[in-house]
Amino acid sequence: MSPEAYTLHDALDAYTNDQSPEAIRSAAARAYAKYQKCSEKAARNLLVTGL
């Protein structure tokens, strides 16, 4: 998966707002799902938090 700008934008926005790693993952997944037209659950399965 390439680091799409919209995914990074939403993940970094959540990160700078001191959200939890899971909230950051969810924000990125929502953005990915929106633009790739897939379910949020499928998008979340593509992303990891590193923790």
PDB file of N, CA and C in Angstrom:
ATOM      1  N   MET A   1       0.842  -1.175   0.000  1.00  0.00           N
ATOM      2  CA  MET A   1       0.000   0.000   0.000  1.00  0.00           C
ATOM      3  C   MET A   1       0.888   1.239   0.000  1.00  0.00           C
ATOM      4  N   SER A   2       0.592   2.142  -0.871  1.00  0.00           N
ATOM      5  CA  SER A   2       1.366   3.389  -0.906  1.00  0.00           C
ATOM      6  C   SER A   2       0.827   4.371   0.137  1.00  0.00           C
ATOM      7  N   PRO A   3       1.686   5.243   0.628  1.00  0.00           N
ATOM      8  CA  PRO A   3       1.241   6.226   1.624  1.00  0.00           C
ATOM      9  C   PRO A   3       0.466   7.365   0.958  1.00  0.00           C
ATOM     10  N   GLU A   4      -0.797   7.140   0.721  1.00  0.00           N
ATOM     11  CA  GLU A   4      -1.635   8.149   0.082  1.00  0.00           C
ATOM     12  C   GLU A   4      -1.697   9.391   0.965  1.00  0.00           C
ATOM     13  N   ALA A   5      -1.698  10.544   0.351  1.00  0.00           N
ATOM     14  CA  ALA A   5      -1.657  11.815   1.085  1.00  0.00           C
ATOM     15  C   ALA A   5      -2.851  11.975   2.016  1.00  0.00           C
ATOM     16  N   TYR A   6      -4.030  11.572   1.584  1.00  0.00           N
ATOM     17  CA  TYR A   6      -5.217  11.738   2.425  1.00  0.00           C
ATOM     18  C   TYR A   6      -5.142  10.861   3.669  1.00  0.00           C
ATOM     19  N   THR A   7      -4.547   9.691   3.544  1.00  0.00           N
ATOM     20  CA  THR A   7      -4.384   8.798   4.690  1.00  0.00           C
ATOM     21  C   THR A   7      -3.388   9.394   5.680  1.00  0.00           C
ATOM     22  N   LEU A   8      -2.270   9.865   5.158  1.00  0.00           N
ATOM     23  CA  LEU A   8      -1.266  10.489   6.022  1.00  0.00           C
ATOM     24  C   LEU A   8      -1.809  11.749   6.683  1.00  0.00           C
ATOM     25  N   HIS A   9      -2.556  12.530   5.932  1.00  0.00           N
ATOM     26  CA  HIS A   9      -3.112  13.774   6.473  1.00  0.00           C
ATOM     27  C   HIS A   9      -3.989  13.489   7.691  1.00  0.00           C
ATOM     28  N   ASP A  10      -4.912  12.557   7.538  1.00  0.00           N
ATOM     29  CA  ASP A  10      -5.834  12.264   8.641  1.00  0.00           C
ATOM     30  C   ASP A  10      -5.124  11.603   9.821  1.00  0.00           C
ATOM     31  N   ALA A  11      -4.138  10.747   9.535  1.00  0.00           N
ATOM     32  CA  ALA A  11      -3.382  10.110  10.617  1.00  0.00           C
ATOM     33  C   ALA A  11      -2.559  11.147  11.379  1.00  0.00           C
ATOM     34  N   LEU A  12      -1.891  12.034  10.665  1.00  0.00           N
ATOM     35  CA  LEU A  12      -1.094  13.064  11.319  1.00  0.00           C
ATOM     36  C   LEU A  12      -1.959  14.060  12.071  1.00  0.00           C
ATOM     37  N   ASP A  13      -3.121  14.361  11.539  1.00  0.00           N
ATOM     38  CA  ASP A  13      -4.045  15.257  12.233  1.00  0.00           C
ATOM     39  C   ASP A  13      -4.468  14.646  13.570  1.00  0.00           C
ATOM     40  N   ALA A  14      -4.793  13.363  13.560  1.00  0.00           N
ATOM     41  CA  ALA A  14      -5.164  12.678  14.796  1.00  0.00           C
ATOM     42  C   ALA A  14      -3.971  12.620  15.759  1.00  0.00           C
ATOM     43  N   TYR A  15      -2.791  12.375  15.226  1.00  0.00           N
ATOM     44  CA  TYR A  15      -1.573  12.307  16.054  1.00  0.00           C
ATOM     45  C   TYR A  15      -1.296  13.649  16.738  1.00  0.00           C
ATOM     46  N   THR A  16      -1.405  14.741  15.992  1.00  0.00           N
ATOM     47  CA  THR A  16      -1.122  16.054  16.574  1.00  0.00           C
ATOM     48  C   THR A  16      -2.182  16.477  17.580  1.00  0.00           C
ATOM     49  N   ASN A  17      -3.334  15.828  17.538  1.00  0.00           N
ATOM     50  CA  ASN A  17      -4.380  16.091  18.526  1.00  0.00           C
ATOM     51  C   ASN A  17      -4.290  15.129  19.707  1.00  0.00           C
ATOM     52  N   ASP A  18      -3.133  14.467  19.855  1.00  0.00           N
ATOM     53  CA  ASP A  18      -2.852  13.561  20.976  1.00  0.00           C
ATOM     54  C   ASP A  18      -3.877  12.450  21.143  1.00  0.00           C
ATOM     55  N   GLN A  19      -4.316  11.887  20.034  1.00  0.00           N
ATOM     56  CA  GLN A  19      -5.247  10.764  20.103  1.00  0.00           C
ATOM     57  C   GLN A  19      -4.473   9.470  20.294  1.00  0.00           C
ATOM     58  N   SER A  20      -5.171   8.438  20.710  1.00  0.00           N
ATOM     59  CA  SER A  20      -4.555   7.139  20.956  1.00  0.00           C
ATOM     60  C   SER A  20      -4.122   6.503  19.632  1.00  0.00           C
ATOM     61  N   PRO A  21      -3.199   5.542  19.692  1.00  0.00           N
ATOM     62  CA  PRO A  21      -2.781   4.868  18.458  1.00  0.00           C
ATOM     63  C   PRO A  21      -3.955   4.240  17.698  1.00  0.00           C
ATOM     64  N   GLU A  22      -4.900   3.689  18.423  1.00  0.00           N
ATOM     65  CA  GLU A  22      -6.059   3.082  17.749  1.00  0.00           C
ATOM     66  C   GLU A  22      -6.934   4.144  17.083  1.00  0.00           C
ATOM     67  N   ALA A  23      -7.063   5.306  17.692  1.00  0.00           N
ATOM     68  CA  ALA A  23      -7.829   6.399  17.086  1.00  0.00           C
ATOM     69  C   ALA A  23      -7.127   6.926  15.833  1.00  0.00           C
ATOM     70  N   ILE A  24      -5.809   6.961  15.875  1.00  0.00           N
ATOM     71  CA  ILE A  24      -5.041   7.379  14.700  1.00  0.00           C
ATOM     72  C   ILE A  24      -5.259   6.384  13.563  1.00  0.00           C
ATOM     73  N   ARG A  25      -5.199   5.112  13.898  1.00  0.00           N
ATOM     74  CA  ARG A  25      -5.431   4.048  12.912  1.00  0.00           C
ATOM     75  C   ARG A  25      -6.827   4.157  12.318  1.00  0.00           C
ATOM     76  N   SER A  26      -7.813   4.419  13.151  1.00  0.00           N
ATOM     77  CA  SER A  26      -9.187   4.544  12.670  1.00  0.00           C
ATOM     78  C   SER A  26      -9.363   5.752  11.753  1.00  0.00           C
ATOM     79  N   ALA A  27      -8.722   6.857  12.089  1.00  0.00           N
ATOM     80  CA  ALA A  27      -8.811   8.056  11.254  1.00  0.00           C
ATOM     81  C   ALA A  27      -8.216   7.786   9.877  1.00  0.00           C
ATOM     82  N   ALA A  28      -7.075   7.133   9.845  1.00  0.00           N
ATOM     83  CA  ALA A  28      -6.444   6.790   8.572  1.00  0.00           C
ATOM     84  C   ALA A  28      -7.307   5.805   7.792  1.00  0.00           C
ATOM     85  N   ALA A  29      -7.898   4.844   8.484  1.00  0.00           N
ATOM     86  CA  ALA A  29      -8.749   3.850   7.830  1.00  0.00           C
ATOM     87  C   ALA A  29      -9.990   4.495   7.228  1.00  0.00           C
ATOM     88  N   ARG A  30     -10.584   5.453   7.940  1.00  0.00           N
ATOM     89  CA  ARG A  30     -11.766   6.147   7.394  1.00  0.00           C
ATOM     90  C   ARG A  30     -11.423   6.879   6.104  1.00  0.00           C
ATOM     91  N   ALA A  31     -10.284   7.556   6.102  1.00  0.00           N
ATOM     92  CA  ALA A  31      -9.858   8.280   4.900  1.00  0.00           C
ATOM     93  C   ALA A  31      -9.589   7.303   3.761  1.00  0.00           C
ATOM     94  N   TYR A  32      -8.882   6.230   4.040  1.00  0.00           N
ATOM     95  CA  TYR A  32      -8.570   5.243   3.006  1.00  0.00           C
ATOM     96  C   TYR A  32      -9.846   4.639   2.435  1.00  0.00           C
ATOM     97  N   ALA A  33     -10.773   4.276   3.321  1.00  0.00           N
ATOM     98  CA  ALA A  33     -12.035   3.669   2.878  1.00  0.00           C
ATOM     99  C   ALA A  33     -12.839   4.624   2.009  1.00  0.00           C
ATOM    100  N   LYS A  34     -12.841   5.875   2.363  1.00  0.00           N
ATOM    101  CA  LYS A  34     -13.608   6.873   1.610  1.00  0.00           C
ATOM    102  C   LYS A  34     -13.109   6.985   0.170  1.00  0.00           C
ATOM    103  N   TYR A  35     -11.811   7.113  -0.004  1.00  0.00           N
ATOM    104  CA  TYR A  35     -11.268   7.347  -1.339  1.00  0.00           C
ATOM    105  C   TYR A  35     -11.045   6.079  -2.151  1.00  0.00           C
ATOM    106  N   GLN A  36     -10.872   4.954  -1.489  1.00  0.00           N
ATOM    107  CA  GLN A  36     -10.683   3.690  -2.199  1.00  0.00           C
ATOM    108  C   GLN A  36     -11.990   2.920  -2.353  1.00  0.00           C
ATOM    109  N   LYS A  37     -13.061   3.479  -1.790  1.00  0.00           N
ATOM    110  CA  LYS A  37     -14.400   2.891  -1.892  1.00  0.00           C
ATOM    111  C   LYS A  37     -14.423   1.435  -1.414  1.00  0.00           C
ATOM    112  N   CYS A  38     -13.932   1.258  -0.192  1.00  0.00           N
ATOM    113  CA  CYS A  38     -13.998  -0.047   0.443  1.00  0.00           C
ATOM    114  C   CYS A  38     -14.554   0.157   1.846  1.00  0.00           C
ATOM    115  N   SER A  39     -14.794  -0.932   2.536  1.00  0.00           N
ATOM    116  CA  SER A  39     -15.335  -0.808   3.879  1.00  0.00           C
ATOM    117  C   SER A  39     -14.252  -0.313   4.837  1.00  0.00           C
ATOM    118  N   GLU A  40     -14.686   0.337   5.900  1.00  0.00           N
ATOM    119  CA  GLU A  40     -13.736   0.814   6.907  1.00  0.00           C
ATOM    120  C   GLU A  40     -13.044  -0.363   7.582  1.00  0.00           C
ATOM    121  N   LYS A  41     -13.761  -1.453   7.763  1.00  0.00           N
ATOM    122  CA  LYS A  41     -13.169  -2.642   8.377  1.00  0.00           C
ATOM    123  C   LYS A  41     -12.030  -3.179   7.511  1.00  0.00           C
ATOM    124  N   ALA A  42     -12.238  -3.243   6.209  1.00  0.00           N
ATOM    125  CA  ALA A  42     -11.184  -3.720   5.301  1.00  0.00           C
ATOM    126  C   ALA A  42      -9.983  -2.778   5.332  1.00  0.00           C
ATOM    127  N   ALA A  43     -10.241  -1.494   5.349  1.00  0.00           N
ATOM    128  CA  ALA A  43      -9.158  -0.516   5.395  1.00  0.00           C
ATOM    129  C   ALA A  43      -8.384  -0.619   6.703  1.00  0.00           C
ATOM    130  N   ARG A  44      -9.086  -0.809   7.812  1.00  0.00           N
ATOM    131  CA  ARG A  44      -8.433  -0.929   9.110  1.00  0.00           C
ATOM    132  C   ARG A  44      -7.519  -2.158   9.150  1.00  0.00           C
ATOM    133  N   ASN A  45      -7.915  -3.222   8.452  1.00  0.00           N
ATOM    134  CA  ASN A  45      -7.090  -4.432   8.435  1.00  0.00           C
ATOM    135  C   ASN A  45      -5.773  -4.229   7.663  1.00  0.00           C
ATOM    136  N   LEU A  46      -5.703  -3.214   6.831  1.00  0.00           N
ATOM    137  CA  LEU A  46      -4.477  -2.914   6.089  1.00  0.00           C
ATOM    138  C   LEU A  46      -3.471  -2.114   6.900  1.00  0.00           C
ATOM    139  N   LEU A  47      -3.943  -1.473   7.969  1.00  0.00           N
ATOM    140  CA  LEU A  47      -3.125  -0.557   8.733  1.00  0.00           C
ATOM    141  C   LEU A  47      -2.782  -1.138  10.098  1.00  0.00           C
ATOM    142  N   VAL A  48      -1.608  -0.799  10.601  1.00  0.00           N
ATOM    143  CA  VAL A  48      -1.182  -1.237  11.926  1.00  0.00           C
ATOM    144  C   VAL A  48      -0.727  -0.030  12.733  1.00  0.00           C
ATOM    145  N   THR A  49      -0.731  -0.170  14.042  1.00  0.00           N
ATOM    146  CA  THR A  49      -0.311   0.923  14.897  1.00  0.00           C
ATOM    147  C   THR A  49       1.153   0.838  15.278  1.00  0.00           C
ATOM    148  N   GLY A  50       1.741  -0.320  15.186  1.00  0.00           N
ATOM    149  CA  GLY A  50       3.132  -0.484  15.589  1.00  0.00           C
ATOM    150  C   GLY A  50       3.287  -0.771  17.076  1.00  0.00           C
ATOM    151  N   LEU A  51       2.179  -0.867  17.783  1.00  0.00           N
ATOM    152  CA  LEU A  51       2.233  -1.162  19.216  1.00  0.00           C
ATOM    153  C   LEU A  51       1.711  -2.545  19.492  1.00  0.00           C
TER     154      LEU A  51
END
